[in-house]
PDB file of N, CA and C in Angstrom:
ATOM      1  N   MET A   1     223.227  56.309 201.197  1.00  0.00           N
ATOM      2  CA  MET A   1     224.162  56.070 202.276  1.00  0.00           C
ATOM      3  C   MET A   1     224.766  54.679 202.093  1.00  0.00           C
ATOM      4  N   ASP A   2     226.080  54.614 202.095  1.00  0.00           N
ATOM      5  CA  ASP A   2     226.740  53.316 201.940  1.00  0.00           C
ATOM      6  C   ASP A   2     226.638  52.512 203.242  1.00  0.00           C
ATOM      7  N   TYR A   3     226.919  51.228 203.154  1.00  0.00           N
ATOM      8  CA  TYR A   3     226.728  50.354 204.307  1.00  0.00           C
ATOM      9  C   TYR A   3     227.687  50.678 205.445  1.00  0.00           C
ATOM     10  N   LYS A   4     228.891  51.177 205.140  1.00  0.00           N
ATOM     11  CA  LYS A   4     229.846  51.491 206.206  1.00  0.00           C
ATOM     12  C   LYS A   4     229.328  52.623 207.089  1.00  0.00           C
ATOM     13  N   SER A   5     228.877  53.691 206.474  1.00  0.00           N
ATOM     14  CA  SER A   5     228.354  54.795 207.283  1.00  0.00           C
ATOM     15  C   SER A   5     227.002  54.436 207.894  1.00  0.00           C
ATOM     16  N   ALA A   6     226.232  53.587 207.225  1.00  0.00           N
ATOM     17  CA  ALA A   6     224.937  53.184 207.775  1.00  0.00           C
ATOM     18  C   ALA A   6     225.102  52.335 209.024  1.00  0.00           C
ATOM     19  N   LEU A   7     226.088  51.456 209.042  1.00  0.00           N
ATOM     20  CA  LEU A   7     226.234  50.507 210.145  1.00  0.00           C
ATOM     21  C   LEU A   7     227.246  50.908 211.208  1.00  0.00           C
ATOM     22  N   PHE A   8     228.211  51.751 210.871  1.00  0.00           N
ATOM     23  CA  PHE A   8     229.289  52.014 211.813  1.00  0.00           C
ATOM     24  C   PHE A   8     229.405  53.461 212.264  1.00  0.00           C
ATOM     25  N   SER A   9     228.601  54.343 211.710  1.00  0.00           N
ATOM     26  CA  SER A   9     228.654  55.747 212.084  1.00  0.00           C
ATOM     27  C   SER A   9     227.423  56.113 212.914  1.00  0.00           C
ATOM     28  N   PHE A  10     227.609  56.998 213.866  1.00  0.00           N
ATOM     29  CA  PHE A  10     226.497  57.476 214.673  1.00  0.00           C
ATOM     30  C   PHE A  10     225.935  58.788 214.121  1.00  0.00           C
ATOM     31  N   ASP A  11     226.434  59.234 212.972  1.00  0.00           N
ATOM     32  CA  ASP A  11     225.970  60.469 212.349  1.00  0.00           C
ATOM     33  C   ASP A  11     224.916  60.162 211.294  1.00  0.00           C
ATOM     34  N   GLY A  12     224.073  61.133 211.033  1.00  0.00           N
ATOM     35  CA  GLY A  12     223.060  60.979 210.002  1.00  0.00           C
ATOM     36  C   GLY A  12     221.706  60.618 210.589  1.00  0.00           C
ATOM     37  N   ARG A  13     220.793  60.253 209.704  1.00  0.00           N
ATOM     38  CA  ARG A  13     219.445  59.917 210.142  1.00  0.00           C
ATOM     39  C   ARG A  13     218.847  58.848 209.245  1.00  0.00           C
ATOM     40  N   PHE A  14     217.954  58.053 209.818  1.00  0.00           N
ATOM     41  CA  PHE A  14     217.211  57.024 209.092  1.00  0.00           C
ATOM     42  C   PHE A  14     215.727  57.309 209.215  1.00  0.00           C
ATOM     43  N   ASN A  15     215.031  57.240 208.090  1.00  0.00           N
ATOM     44  CA  ASN A  15     213.577  57.301 208.172  1.00  0.00           C
ATOM     45  C   ASN A  15     213.057  55.924 208.599  1.00  0.00           C
ATOM     46  N   ARG A  16     211.754  55.779 208.685  1.00  0.00           N
ATOM     47  CA  ARG A  16     211.171  54.525 209.182  1.00  0.00           C
ATOM     48  C   ARG A  16     211.582  53.319 208.349  1.00  0.00           C
ATOM     49  N   MET A  17     211.530  53.416 207.045  1.00  0.00           N
ATOM     50  CA  MET A  17     211.848  52.273 206.186  1.00  0.00           C
ATOM     51  C   MET A  17     213.335  51.923 206.232  1.00  0.00           C
ATOM     52  N   GLN A  18     214.194  52.924 206.265  1.00  0.00           N
ATOM     53  CA  GLN A  18     215.624  52.650 206.371  1.00  0.00           C
ATOM     54  C   GLN A  18     215.933  51.966 207.699  1.00  0.00           C
ATOM     55  N   TYR A  19     215.333  52.456 208.776  1.00  0.00           N
ATOM     56  CA  TYR A  19     215.538  51.852 210.087  1.00  0.00           C
ATOM     57  C   TYR A  19     215.066  50.400 210.086  1.00  0.00           C
ATOM     58  N   PHE A  20     213.887  50.158 209.545  1.00  0.00           N
ATOM     59  CA  PHE A  20     213.356  48.796 209.479  1.00  0.00           C
ATOM     60  C   PHE A  20     214.255  47.900 208.633  1.00  0.00           C
ATOM     61  N   GLY A  21     214.659  48.381 207.480  1.00  0.00           N
ATOM     62  CA  GLY A  21     215.492  47.590 206.575  1.00  0.00           C
ATOM     63  C   GLY A  21     216.842  47.233 207.175  1.00  0.00           C
ATOM     64  N   TRP A  22     217.526  48.215 207.751  1.00  0.00           N
ATOM     65  CA  TRP A  22     218.839  47.944 208.339  1.00  0.00           C
ATOM     66  C   TRP A  22     218.717  47.084 209.589  1.00  0.00           C
ATOM     67  N   THR A  23     217.646  47.243 210.341  1.00  0.00           N
ATOM     68  CA  THR A  23     217.438  46.393 211.517  1.00  0.00           C
ATOM     69  C   THR A  23     217.227  44.946 211.093  1.00  0.00           C
ATOM     70  N   ILE A  24     216.396  44.724 210.090  1.00  0.00           N
ATOM     71  CA  ILE A  24     216.157  43.360 209.588  1.00  0.00           C
ATOM     72  C   ILE A  24     217.463  42.774 209.032  1.00  0.00           C
ATOM     73  N   ALA A  25     218.215  43.570 208.306  1.00  0.00           N
ATOM     74  CA  ALA A  25     219.481  43.085 207.724  1.00  0.00           C
ATOM     75  C   ALA A  25     220.459  42.652 208.818  1.00  0.00           C
ATOM     76  N   THR A  26     220.569  43.426 209.890  1.00  0.00           N
ATOM     77  CA  THR A  26     221.493  43.058 210.958  1.00  0.00           C
ATOM     78  C   THR A  26     221.012  41.827 211.726  1.00  0.00           C
ATOM     79  N   VAL A  27     219.711  41.696 211.910  1.00  0.00           N
ATOM     80  CA  VAL A  27     219.177  40.519 212.603  1.00  0.00           C
ATOM     81  C   VAL A  27     219.406  39.259 211.770  1.00  0.00           C
ATOM     82  N   VAL A  28     219.180  39.344 210.464  1.00  0.00           N
ATOM     83  CA  VAL A  28     219.415  38.191 209.589  1.00  0.00           C
ATOM     84  C   VAL A  28     220.896  37.817 209.591  1.00  0.00           C
ATOM     85  N   ALA A  29     221.765  38.816 209.484  1.00  0.00           N
ATOM     86  CA  ALA A  29     223.209  38.538 209.494  1.00  0.00           C
ATOM     87  C   ALA A  29     223.639  37.912 210.820  1.00  0.00           C
ATOM     88  N   ALA A  30     223.112  38.401 211.929  1.00  0.00           N
ATOM     89  CA  ALA A  30     223.461  37.838 213.238  1.00  0.00           C
ATOM     90  C   ALA A  30     222.943  36.411 213.383  1.00  0.00           C
ATOM     91  N   THR A  31     221.772  36.141 212.851  1.00  0.00           N
ATOM     92  CA  THR A  31     221.208  34.785 212.918  1.00  0.00           C
ATOM     93  C   THR A  31     222.047  33.808 212.100  1.00  0.00           C
ATOM     94  N   VAL A  32     222.433  34.205 210.903  1.00  0.00           N
ATOM     95  CA  VAL A  32     223.267  33.340 210.062  1.00  0.00           C
ATOM     96  C   VAL A  32     224.613  33.100 210.741  1.00  0.00           C
ATOM     97  N   LEU A  33     225.213  34.151 211.295  1.00  0.00           N
ATOM     98  CA  LEU A  33     226.490  33.997 211.990  1.00  0.00           C
ATOM     99  C   LEU A  33     226.350  33.078 213.204  1.00  0.00           C
ATOM    100  N   ALA A  34     225.263  33.218 213.945  1.00  0.00           N
ATOM    101  CA  ALA A  34     225.045  32.355 215.111  1.00  0.00           C
ATOM    102  C   ALA A  34     224.922  30.892 214.698  1.00  0.00           C
ATOM    103  N   LEU A  35     224.222  30.625 213.610  1.00  0.00           N
ATOM    104  CA  LEU A  35     224.089  29.248 213.123  1.00  0.00           C
ATOM    105  C   LEU A  35     225.440  28.681 212.694  1.00  0.00           C
ATOM    106  N   ILE A  36     226.246  29.506 212.055  1.00  0.00           N
ATOM    107  CA  ILE A  36     227.589  29.067 211.653  1.00  0.00           C
ATOM    108  C   ILE A  36     228.437  28.772 212.886  1.00  0.00           C
ATOM    109  N   LEU A  37     228.364  29.646 213.899  1.00  0.00           N
ATOM    110  CA  LEU A  37     229.154  29.433 215.109  1.00  0.00           C
ATOM    111  C   LEU A  37     228.695  28.191 215.873  1.00  0.00           C
ATOM    112  N   VAL A  38     227.408  27.907 215.872  1.00  0.00           N
ATOM    113  CA  VAL A  38     226.916  26.679 216.508  1.00  0.00           C
ATOM    114  C   VAL A  38     227.460  25.460 215.778  1.00  0.00           C
ATOM    115  N   ALA A  39     227.465  25.515 214.463  1.00  0.00           N
ATOM    116  CA  ALA A  39     228.005  24.391 213.686  1.00  0.00           C
ATOM    117  C   ALA A  39     229.494  24.211 213.950  1.00  0.00           C
ATOM    118  N   ILE A  40     230.236  25.305 214.015  1.00  0.00           N
ATOM    119  CA  ILE A  40     231.668  25.228 214.301  1.00  0.00           C
ATOM    120  C   ILE A  40     231.899  24.695 215.711  1.00  0.00           C
ATOM    121  N   GLY A  41     231.136  25.209 216.652  1.00  0.00           N
ATOM    122  CA  GLY A  41     231.331  24.854 218.044  1.00  0.00           C
ATOM    123  C   GLY A  41     230.931  23.439 218.404  1.00  0.00           C
ATOM    124  N   SER A  42     230.105  22.812 217.593  1.00  0.00           N
ATOM    125  CA  SER A  42     229.650  21.466 217.921  1.00  0.00           C
ATOM    126  C   SER A  42     230.615  20.367 217.477  1.00  0.00           C
ATOM    127  N   ALA A  43     231.678  20.720 216.788  1.00  0.00           N
ATOM    128  CA  ALA A  43     232.613  19.715 216.272  1.00  0.00           C
ATOM    129  C   ALA A  43     233.424  19.068 217.391  1.00  0.00           C
ATOM    130  N   ASN A  44     234.096  19.875 218.212  1.00  0.00           N
ATOM    131  CA  ASN A  44     234.879  19.340 219.331  1.00  0.00           C
ATOM    132  C   ASN A  44     235.152  20.468 220.317  1.00  0.00           C
ATOM    133  N   ASP A  45     235.892  20.165 221.393  1.00  0.00           N
ATOM    134  CA  ASP A  45     236.123  21.157 222.439  1.00  0.00           C
ATOM    135  C   ASP A  45     236.937  22.354 221.950  1.00  0.00           C
ATOM    136  N   ALA A  46     237.923  22.120 221.118  1.00  0.00           N
ATOM    137  CA  ALA A  46     238.762  23.219 220.626  1.00  0.00           C
ATOM    138  C   ALA A  46     237.947  24.186 219.762  1.00  0.00           C
ATOM    139  N   THR A  47     237.111  23.648 218.904  1.00  0.00           N
ATOM    140  CA  THR A  47     236.288  24.536 218.067  1.00  0.00           C
ATOM    141  C   THR A  47     235.187  25.193 218.885  1.00  0.00           C
ATOM    142  N   ALA A  48     234.772  24.556 219.979  1.00  0.00           N
ATOM    143  CA  ALA A  48     233.772  25.168 220.852  1.00  0.00           C
ATOM    144  C   ALA A  48     234.335  26.433 221.494  1.00  0.00           C
ATOM    145  N   VAL A  49     235.578  26.366 221.928  1.00  0.00           N
ATOM    146  CA  VAL A  49     236.227  27.544 222.517  1.00  0.00           C
ATOM    147  C   VAL A  49     236.363  28.644 221.472  1.00  0.00           C
ATOM    148  N   LEU A  50     236.766  28.278 220.270  1.00  0.00           N
ATOM    149  CA  LEU A  50     236.872  29.247 219.180  1.00  0.00           C
ATOM    150  C   LEU A  50     235.515  29.881 218.884  1.00  0.00           C
ATOM    151  N   ALA A  51     234.469  29.073 218.849  1.00  0.00           N
ATOM    152  CA  ALA A  51     233.127  29.589 218.567  1.00  0.00           C
ATOM    153  C   ALA A  51     232.667  30.548 219.664  1.00  0.00           C
ATOM    154  N   ILE A  52     233.004  30.253 220.920  1.00  0.00           N
ATOM    155  CA  ILE A  52     232.634  31.143 222.024  1.00  0.00           C
ATOM    156  C   ILE A  52     233.355  32.479 221.899  1.00  0.00           C
ATOM    157  N   ILE A  53     234.636  32.438 221.598  1.00  0.00           N
ATOM    158  CA  ILE A  53     235.410  33.678 221.440  1.00  0.00           C
ATOM    159  C   ILE A  53     234.869  34.503 220.273  1.00  0.00           C
ATOM    160  N   LEU A  54     234.640  33.859 219.146  1.00  0.00           N
ATOM    161  CA  LEU A  54     234.091  34.573 217.985  1.00  0.00           C
ATOM    162  C   LEU A  54     232.684  35.089 218.270  1.00  0.00           C
ATOM    163  N   GLY A  55     231.904  34.323 219.023  1.00  0.00           N
ATOM    164  CA  GLY A  55     230.557  34.763 219.389  1.00  0.00           C
ATOM    165  C   GLY A  55     230.583  36.004 220.267  1.00  0.00           C
ATOM    166  N   CYS A  56     231.529  36.066 221.194  1.00  0.00           N
ATOM    167  CA  CYS A  56     231.658  37.254 222.047  1.00  0.00           C
ATOM    168  C   CYS A  56     232.044  38.487 221.229  1.00  0.00           C
ATOM    169  N   ILE A  57     232.980  38.300 220.321  1.00  0.00           N
ATOM    170  CA  ILE A  57     233.388  39.410 219.448  1.00  0.00           C
ATOM    171  C   ILE A  57     232.225  39.856 218.572  1.00  0.00           C
ATOM    172  N   ALA A  58     231.484  38.895 218.021  1.00  0.00           N
ATOM    173  CA  ALA A  58     230.336  39.219 217.176  1.00  0.00           C
ATOM    174  C   ALA A  58     229.247  39.930 217.964  1.00  0.00           C
ATOM    175  N   THR A  59     229.058  39.555 219.218  1.00  0.00           N
ATOM    176  CA  THR A  59     228.040  40.202 220.052  1.00  0.00           C
ATOM    177  C   THR A  59     228.380  41.666 220.290  1.00  0.00           C
ATOM    178  N   VAL A  60     229.635  41.939 220.575  1.00  0.00           N
ATOM    179  CA  VAL A  60     230.061  43.333 220.762  1.00  0.00           C
ATOM    180  C   VAL A  60     229.824  44.127 219.471  1.00  0.00           C
ATOM    181  N   GLY A  61     230.168  43.539 218.330  1.00  0.00           N
ATOM    182  CA  GLY A  61     229.933  44.198 217.048  1.00  0.00           C
ATOM    183  C   GLY A  61     228.457  44.418 216.776  1.00  0.00           C
ATOM    184  N   TYR A  62     227.629  43.430 217.111  1.00  0.00           N
ATOM    185  CA  TYR A  62     226.190  43.540 216.888  1.00  0.00           C
ATOM    186  C   TYR A  62     225.586  44.654 217.744  1.00  0.00           C
ATOM    187  N   VAL A  63     226.031  44.758 218.990  1.00  0.00           N
ATOM    188  CA  VAL A  63     225.534  45.819 219.868  1.00  0.00           C
ATOM    189  C   VAL A  63     225.950  47.187 219.327  1.00  0.00           C
ATOM    190  N   TYR A  64     227.188  47.311 218.880  1.00  0.00           N
ATOM    191  CA  TYR A  64     227.666  48.580 218.319  1.00  0.00           C
ATOM    192  C   TYR A  64     226.841  48.980 217.093  1.00  0.00           C
ATOM    193  N   VAL A  65     226.654  48.032 216.177  1.00  0.00           N
ATOM    194  CA  VAL A  65     225.881  48.316 214.963  1.00  0.00           C
ATOM    195  C   VAL A  65     224.438  48.659 215.326  1.00  0.00           C
ATOM    196  N   GLY A  66     223.860  47.937 216.274  1.00  0.00           N
ATOM    197  CA  GLY A  66     222.493  48.233 216.705  1.00  0.00           C
ATOM    198  C   GLY A  66     222.361  49.625 217.275  1.00  0.00           C
ATOM    199  N   MET A  67     223.359  50.035 218.034  1.00  0.00           N
ATOM    200  CA  MET A  67     223.333  51.394 218.582  1.00  0.00           C
ATOM    201  C   MET A  67     223.489  52.445 217.495  1.00  0.00           C
ATOM    202  N   ALA A  68     224.340  52.178 216.514  1.00  0.00           N
ATOM    203  CA  ALA A  68     224.536  53.137 215.419  1.00  0.00           C
ATOM    204  C   ALA A  68     223.246  53.302 214.611  1.00  0.00           C
ATOM    205  N   VAL A  69     222.576  52.199 214.336  1.00  0.00           N
ATOM    206  CA  VAL A  69     221.321  52.254 213.584  1.00  0.00           C
ATOM    207  C   VAL A  69     220.256  52.992 214.392  1.00  0.00           C
ATOM    208  N   MET A  70     220.161  52.673 215.683  1.00  0.00           N
ATOM    209  CA  MET A  70     219.163  53.329 216.517  1.00  0.00           C
ATOM    210  C   MET A  70     219.467  54.819 216.694  1.00  0.00           C
ATOM    211  N   ALA A  71     220.731  55.189 216.760  1.00  0.00           N
ATOM    212  CA  ALA A  71     221.098  56.598 216.892  1.00  0.00           C
ATOM    213  C   ALA A  71     220.608  57.396 215.692  1.00  0.00           C
ATOM    214  N   LYS A  72     220.738  56.816 214.511  1.00  0.00           N
ATOM    215  CA  LYS A  72     220.271  57.511 213.304  1.00  0.00           C
ATOM    216  C   LYS A  72     218.755  57.703 213.332  1.00  0.00           C
ATOM    217  N   ARG A  73     218.046  56.707 213.831  1.00  0.00           N
ATOM    218  CA  ARG A  73     216.582  56.835 213.918  1.00  0.00           C
ATOM    219  C   ARG A  73     216.206  57.880 214.963  1.00  0.00           C
ATOM    220  N   LEU A  74     216.922  57.905 216.072  1.00  0.00           N
ATOM    221  CA  LEU A  74     216.662  58.926 217.086  1.00  0.00           C
ATOM    222  C   LEU A  74     216.904  60.322 216.525  1.00  0.00           C
ATOM    223  N   HIS A  75     217.954  60.477 215.718  1.00  0.00           N
ATOM    224  CA  HIS A  75     218.225  61.771 215.090  1.00  0.00           C
ATOM    225  C   HIS A  75     217.056  62.186 214.198  1.00  0.00           C
ATOM    226  N   ASP A  76     216.502  61.222 213.451  1.00  0.00           N
ATOM    227  CA  ASP A  76     215.378  61.527 212.565  1.00  0.00           C
ATOM    228  C   ASP A  76     214.152  61.977 213.355  1.00  0.00           C
ATOM    229  N   LEU A  77     214.017  61.465 214.572  1.00  0.00           N
ATOM    230  CA  LEU A  77     212.881  61.842 215.416  1.00  0.00           C
ATOM    231  C   LEU A  77     213.143  63.119 216.217  1.00  0.00           C
ATOM    232  N   GLY A  78     214.366  63.659 216.117  1.00  0.00           N
ATOM    233  CA  GLY A  78     214.696  64.890 216.810  1.00  0.00           C
ATOM    234  C   GLY A  78     215.285  64.682 218.197  1.00  0.00           C
ATOM    235  N   TYR A  79     215.716  63.472 218.521  1.00  0.00           N
ATOM    236  CA  TYR A  79     216.296  63.177 219.828  1.00  0.00           C
ATOM    237  C   TYR A  79     217.808  63.044 219.734  1.00  0.00           C
ATOM    238  N   ALA A  80     218.473  63.291 220.844  1.00  0.00           N
ATOM    239  CA  ALA A  80     219.926  63.181 220.899  1.00  0.00           C
ATOM    240  C   ALA A  80     220.344  61.719 221.043  1.00  0.00           C
ATOM    241  N   THR A  81     221.572  61.440 220.647  1.00  0.00           N
ATOM    242  CA  THR A  81     222.125  60.085 220.723  1.00  0.00           C
ATOM    243  C   THR A  81     222.198  59.583 222.164  1.00  0.00           C
ATOM    244  N   ILE A  82     222.331  60.470 223.125  1.00  0.00           N
ATOM    245  CA  ILE A  82     222.450  60.066 224.533  1.00  0.00           C
ATOM    246  C   ILE A  82     221.237  59.253 224.987  1.00  0.00           C
ATOM    247  N   ASN A  83     220.110  59.392 224.322  1.00  0.00           N
ATOM    248  CA  ASN A  83     218.918  58.624 224.677  1.00  0.00           C
ATOM    249  C   ASN A  83     219.105  57.127 224.475  1.00  0.00           C
ATOM    250  N   LEU A  84     220.116  56.752 223.710  1.00  0.00           N
ATOM    251  CA  LEU A  84     220.442  55.328 223.561  1.00  0.00           C
ATOM    252  C   LEU A  84     220.698  54.677 224.913  1.00  0.00           C
ATOM    253  N   LEU A  85     221.319  55.408 225.812  1.00  0.00           N
ATOM    254  CA  LEU A  85     221.703  54.837 227.100  1.00  0.00           C
ATOM    255  C   LEU A  85     220.501  54.327 227.876  1.00  0.00           C
ATOM    256  N   TRP A  86     219.486  55.176 228.057  1.00  0.00           N
ATOM    257  CA  TRP A  86     218.351  54.714 228.861  1.00  0.00           C
ATOM    258  C   TRP A  86     217.520  53.678 228.117  1.00  0.00           C
ATOM    259  N   ILE A  87     217.482  53.728 226.795  1.00  0.00           N
ATOM    260  CA  ILE A  87     216.753  52.699 226.046  1.00  0.00           C
ATOM    261  C   ILE A  87     217.431  51.346 226.239  1.00  0.00           C
ATOM    262  N   TRP A  88     218.751  51.295 226.118  1.00  0.00           N
ATOM    263  CA  TRP A  88     219.471  50.039 226.316  1.00  0.00           C
ATOM    264  C   TRP A  88     219.421  49.599 227.773  1.00  0.00           C
ATOM    265  N   LEU A  89     219.457  50.537 228.702  1.00  0.00           N
ATOM    266  CA  LEU A  89     219.373  50.168 230.116  1.00  0.00           C
ATOM    267  C   LEU A  89     218.027  49.535 230.464  1.00  0.00           C
ATOM    268  N   ILE A  90     216.958  50.016 229.858  1.00  0.00           N
ATOM    269  CA  ILE A  90     215.646  49.400 230.082  1.00  0.00           C
ATOM    270  C   ILE A  90     215.664  47.953 229.617  1.00  0.00           C
ATOM    271  N   ASN A  91     216.222  47.714 228.445  1.00  0.00           N
ATOM    272  CA  ASN A  91     216.271  46.344 227.929  1.00  0.00           C
ATOM    273  C   ASN A  91     217.199  45.452 228.753  1.00  0.00           C
ATOM    274  N   LEU A  92     218.326  45.979 229.183  1.00  0.00           N
ATOM    275  CA  LEU A  92     219.237  45.207 230.023  1.00  0.00           C
ATOM    276  C   LEU A  92     218.617  44.911 231.384  1.00  0.00           C
ATOM    277  N   ALA A  93     217.929  45.892 231.956  1.00  0.00           N
ATOM    278  CA  ALA A  93     217.282  45.685 233.255  1.00  0.00           C
ATOM    279  C   ALA A  93     216.173  44.645 233.141  1.00  0.00           C
ATOM    280  N   SER A  94     215.468  44.643 232.033  1.00  0.00           N
ATOM    281  CA  SER A  94     214.426  43.639 231.826  1.00  0.00           C
ATOM    282  C   SER A  94     215.022  42.238 231.867  1.00  0.00           C
ATOM    283  N   ALA A  95     216.147  42.052 231.219  1.00  0.00           N
ATOM    284  CA  ALA A  95     216.816  40.747 231.232  1.00  0.00           C
ATOM    285  C   ALA A  95     217.384  40.430 232.610  1.00  0.00           C
ATOM    286  N   ALA A  96     217.904  41.444 233.290  1.00  0.00           N
ATOM    287  CA  ALA A  96     218.519  41.221 234.600  1.00  0.00           C
ATOM    288  C   ALA A  96     217.487  40.814 235.646  1.00  0.00           C
ATOM    289  N   PHE A  97     216.292  41.366 235.575  1.00  0.00           N
ATOM    290  CA  PHE A  97     215.253  41.055 236.547  1.00  0.00           C
ATOM    291  C   PHE A  97     214.454  39.806 236.197  1.00  0.00           C
ATOM    292  N   HIS A  98     214.780  39.177 235.089  1.00  0.00           N
ATOM    293  CA  HIS A  98     214.005  38.018 234.639  1.00  0.00           C
ATOM    294  C   HIS A  98     213.956  36.902 235.672  1.00  0.00           C
ATOM    295  N   GLY A  99     215.046  36.625 236.337  1.00  0.00           N
ATOM    296  CA  GLY A  99     215.072  35.524 237.307  1.00  0.00           C
ATOM    297  C   GLY A  99     214.581  35.900 238.689  1.00  0.00           C
ATOM    298  N   THR A 100     214.585  37.199 239.011  1.00  0.00           N
ATOM    299  CA  THR A 100     214.253  37.612 240.374  1.00  0.00           C
ATOM    300  C   THR A 100     212.861  38.213 240.504  1.00  0.00           C
ATOM    301  N   SER A 101     212.468  39.029 239.569  1.00  0.00           N
ATOM    302  CA  SER A 101     211.155  39.675 239.636  1.00  0.00           C
ATOM    303  C   SER A 101     210.497  39.609 238.254  1.00  0.00           C
ATOM    304  N   GLU A 102     209.674  38.600 238.081  1.00  0.00           N
ATOM    305  CA  GLU A 102     209.012  38.421 236.780  1.00  0.00           C
ATOM    306  C   GLU A 102     208.121  39.606 236.429  1.00  0.00           C
ATOM    307  N   THR A 103     207.463  40.193 237.425  1.00  0.00           N
ATOM    308  CA  THR A 103     206.566  41.323 237.172  1.00  0.00           C
ATOM    309  C   THR A 103     207.344  42.531 236.662  1.00  0.00           C
ATOM    310  N   LEU A 104     208.441  42.854 237.337  1.00  0.00           N
ATOM    311  CA  LEU A 104     209.259  43.987 236.909  1.00  0.00           C
ATOM    312  C   LEU A 104     209.873  43.724 235.536  1.00  0.00           C
ATOM    313  N   SER A 105     210.317  42.507 235.319  1.00  0.00           N
ATOM    314  CA  SER A 105     210.878  42.145 234.028  1.00  0.00           C
ATOM    315  C   SER A 105     209.841  42.304 232.921  1.00  0.00           C
ATOM    316  N   LEU A 106     208.621  41.864 233.179  1.00  0.00           N
ATOM    317  CA  LEU A 106     207.543  42.000 232.193  1.00  0.00           C
ATOM    318  C   LEU A 106     207.225  43.467 231.929  1.00  0.00           C
ATOM    319  N   LEU A 107     207.152  44.261 232.992  1.00  0.00           N
ATOM    320  CA  LEU A 107     206.864  45.686 232.839  1.00  0.00           C
ATOM    321  C   LEU A 107     207.937  46.375 232.000  1.00  0.00           C
ATOM    322  N   LEU A 108     209.200  46.079 232.304  1.00  0.00           N
ATOM    323  CA  LEU A 108     210.296  46.680 231.530  1.00  0.00           C
ATOM    324  C   LEU A 108     210.294  46.185 230.085  1.00  0.00           C
ATOM    325  N   SER A 109     209.921  44.925 229.868  1.00  0.00           N
ATOM    326  CA  SER A 109     209.818  44.402 228.504  1.00  0.00           C
ATOM    327  C   SER A 109     208.727  45.122 227.720  1.00  0.00           C
ATOM    328  N   ILE A 110     207.615  45.392 228.367  1.00  0.00           N
ATOM    329  CA  ILE A 110     206.519  46.116 227.708  1.00  0.00           C
ATOM    330  C   ILE A 110     206.951  47.532 227.360  1.00  0.00           C
ATOM    331  N   VAL A 111     207.655  48.189 228.276  1.00  0.00           N
ATOM    332  CA  VAL A 111     208.162  49.542 228.000  1.00  0.00           C
ATOM    333  C   VAL A 111     209.148  49.498 226.833  1.00  0.00           C
ATOM    334  N   GLY A 112     210.067  48.523 226.843  1.00  0.00           N
ATOM    335  CA  GLY A 112     211.029  48.385 225.750  1.00  0.00           C
ATOM    336  C   GLY A 112     210.349  48.121 224.421  1.00  0.00           C
ATOM    337  N   PHE A 113     209.305  47.280 224.433  1.00  0.00           N
ATOM    338  CA  PHE A 113     208.546  47.008 223.212  1.00  0.00           C
ATOM    339  C   PHE A 113     207.868  48.280 222.714  1.00  0.00           C
ATOM    340  N   GLY A 114     207.311  49.056 223.633  1.00  0.00           N
ATOM    341  CA  GLY A 114     206.669  50.317 223.252  1.00  0.00           C
ATOM    342  C   GLY A 114     207.644  51.291 222.614  1.00  0.00           C
ATOM    343  N   ILE A 115     208.832  51.370 223.182  1.00  0.00           N
ATOM    344  CA  ILE A 115     209.864  52.240 222.605  1.00  0.00           C
ATOM    345  C   ILE A 115     210.240  51.757 221.210  1.00  0.00           C
ATOM    346  N   GLY A 116     210.377  50.448 221.059  1.00  0.00           N
ATOM    347  CA  GLY A 116     210.693  49.889 219.746  1.00  0.00           C
ATOM    348  C   GLY A 116     209.625  50.202 218.711  1.00  0.00           C
ATOM    349  N   MET A 117     208.367  50.101 219.119  1.00  0.00           N
ATOM    350  CA  MET A 117     207.270  50.403 218.190  1.00  0.00           C
ATOM    351  C   MET A 117     207.245  51.895 217.853  1.00  0.00           C
ATOM    352  N   TYR A 118     207.550  52.727 218.830  1.00  0.00           N
ATOM    353  CA  TYR A 118     207.620  54.163 218.569  1.00  0.00           C
ATOM    354  C   TYR A 118     208.719  54.458 217.548  1.00  0.00           C
ATOM    355  N   LEU A 119     209.901  53.870 217.742  1.00  0.00           N
ATOM    356  CA  LEU A 119     210.993  54.093 216.800  1.00  0.00           C
ATOM    357  C   LEU A 119     210.632  53.609 215.400  1.00  0.00           C
ATOM    358  N   LEU A 120     209.873  52.548 215.333  1.00  0.00           N
ATOM    359  CA  LEU A 120     209.532  51.960 214.035  1.00  0.00           C
ATOM    360  C   LEU A 120     208.436  52.740 213.312  1.00  0.00           C
ATOM    361  N   PHE A 121     207.458  53.261 214.039  1.00  0.00           N
ATOM    362  CA  PHE A 121     206.281  53.825 213.383  1.00  0.00           C
ATOM    363  C   PHE A 121     206.134  55.347 213.474  1.00  0.00           C
ATOM    364  N   ALA A 122     206.845  56.019 214.368  1.00  0.00           N
ATOM    365  CA  ALA A 122     206.685  57.472 214.505  1.00  0.00           C
ATOM    366  C   ALA A 122     207.285  58.179 213.288  1.00  0.00           C
ATOM    367  N   PRO A 123     206.571  59.156 212.744  1.00  0.00           N
ATOM    368  CA  PRO A 123     207.131  59.892 211.608  1.00  0.00           C
ATOM    369  C   PRO A 123     208.287  60.781 212.065  1.00  0.00           C
ATOM    370  N   GLY A 124     209.290  60.881 211.222  1.00  0.00           N
ATOM    371  CA  GLY A 124     210.450  61.701 211.543  1.00  0.00           C
ATOM    372  C   GLY A 124     210.162  63.167 211.353  1.00  0.00           C
ATOM    373  N   GLN A 125     211.059  63.992 211.853  1.00  0.00           N
ATOM    374  CA  GLN A 125     210.926  65.434 211.690  1.00  0.00           C
ATOM    375  C   GLN A 125     211.341  65.847 210.288  1.00  0.00           C
ATOM    376  N   THR A 126     210.735  66.879 209.806  1.00  0.00           N
ATOM    377  CA  THR A 126     211.162  67.420 208.511  1.00  0.00           C
ATOM    378  C   THR A 126     212.286  68.403 208.748  1.00  0.00           C
ATOM    379  N   GLY A 127     213.104  68.583 207.769  1.00  0.00           N
ATOM    380  CA  GLY A 127     214.220  69.501 207.885  1.00  0.00           C
ATOM    381  C   GLY A 127     215.436  68.837 208.495  1.00  0.00           C
ATOM    382  N   THR A 128     216.421  69.645 208.846  1.00  0.00           N
ATOM    383  CA  THR A 128     217.658  69.115 209.404  1.00  0.00           C
ATOM    384  C   THR A 128     217.569  69.029 210.911  1.00  0.00           C
ATOM    385  N   ASN A 129     218.357  68.137 211.467  1.00  0.00           N
ATOM    386  CA  ASN A 129     218.419  67.995 212.928  1.00  0.00           C
ATOM    387  C   ASN A 129     219.705  68.607 213.421  1.00  0.00           C
TER     388      ASN A 129
END
């Protein structure tokens, strides 16, 4: 599978190692980009605004790529792509409750971590989905 279909398509499936590899690759790329944007943004006010705009665009791209990668892993496990919604909502709710209810935020973080570990370690289905 080429990188374009791996990162930008919601079709297909990833086994455990492919999911792990593409997830690590996207995290490393996002970290390097964030460091570059911090360096650009620290020069002066004009570059800070540019870095913020580029950071927002990069964040949208990172979320899209993350969803595409996760969709492929869900397909390998026999689940529909629509399950992305509640998985992302759990993670968003965990962040949203961080300032108001630490207990709920922690509980949702634990659930999100469990889902992540399941996606990483559960064996995929054999055959086609």
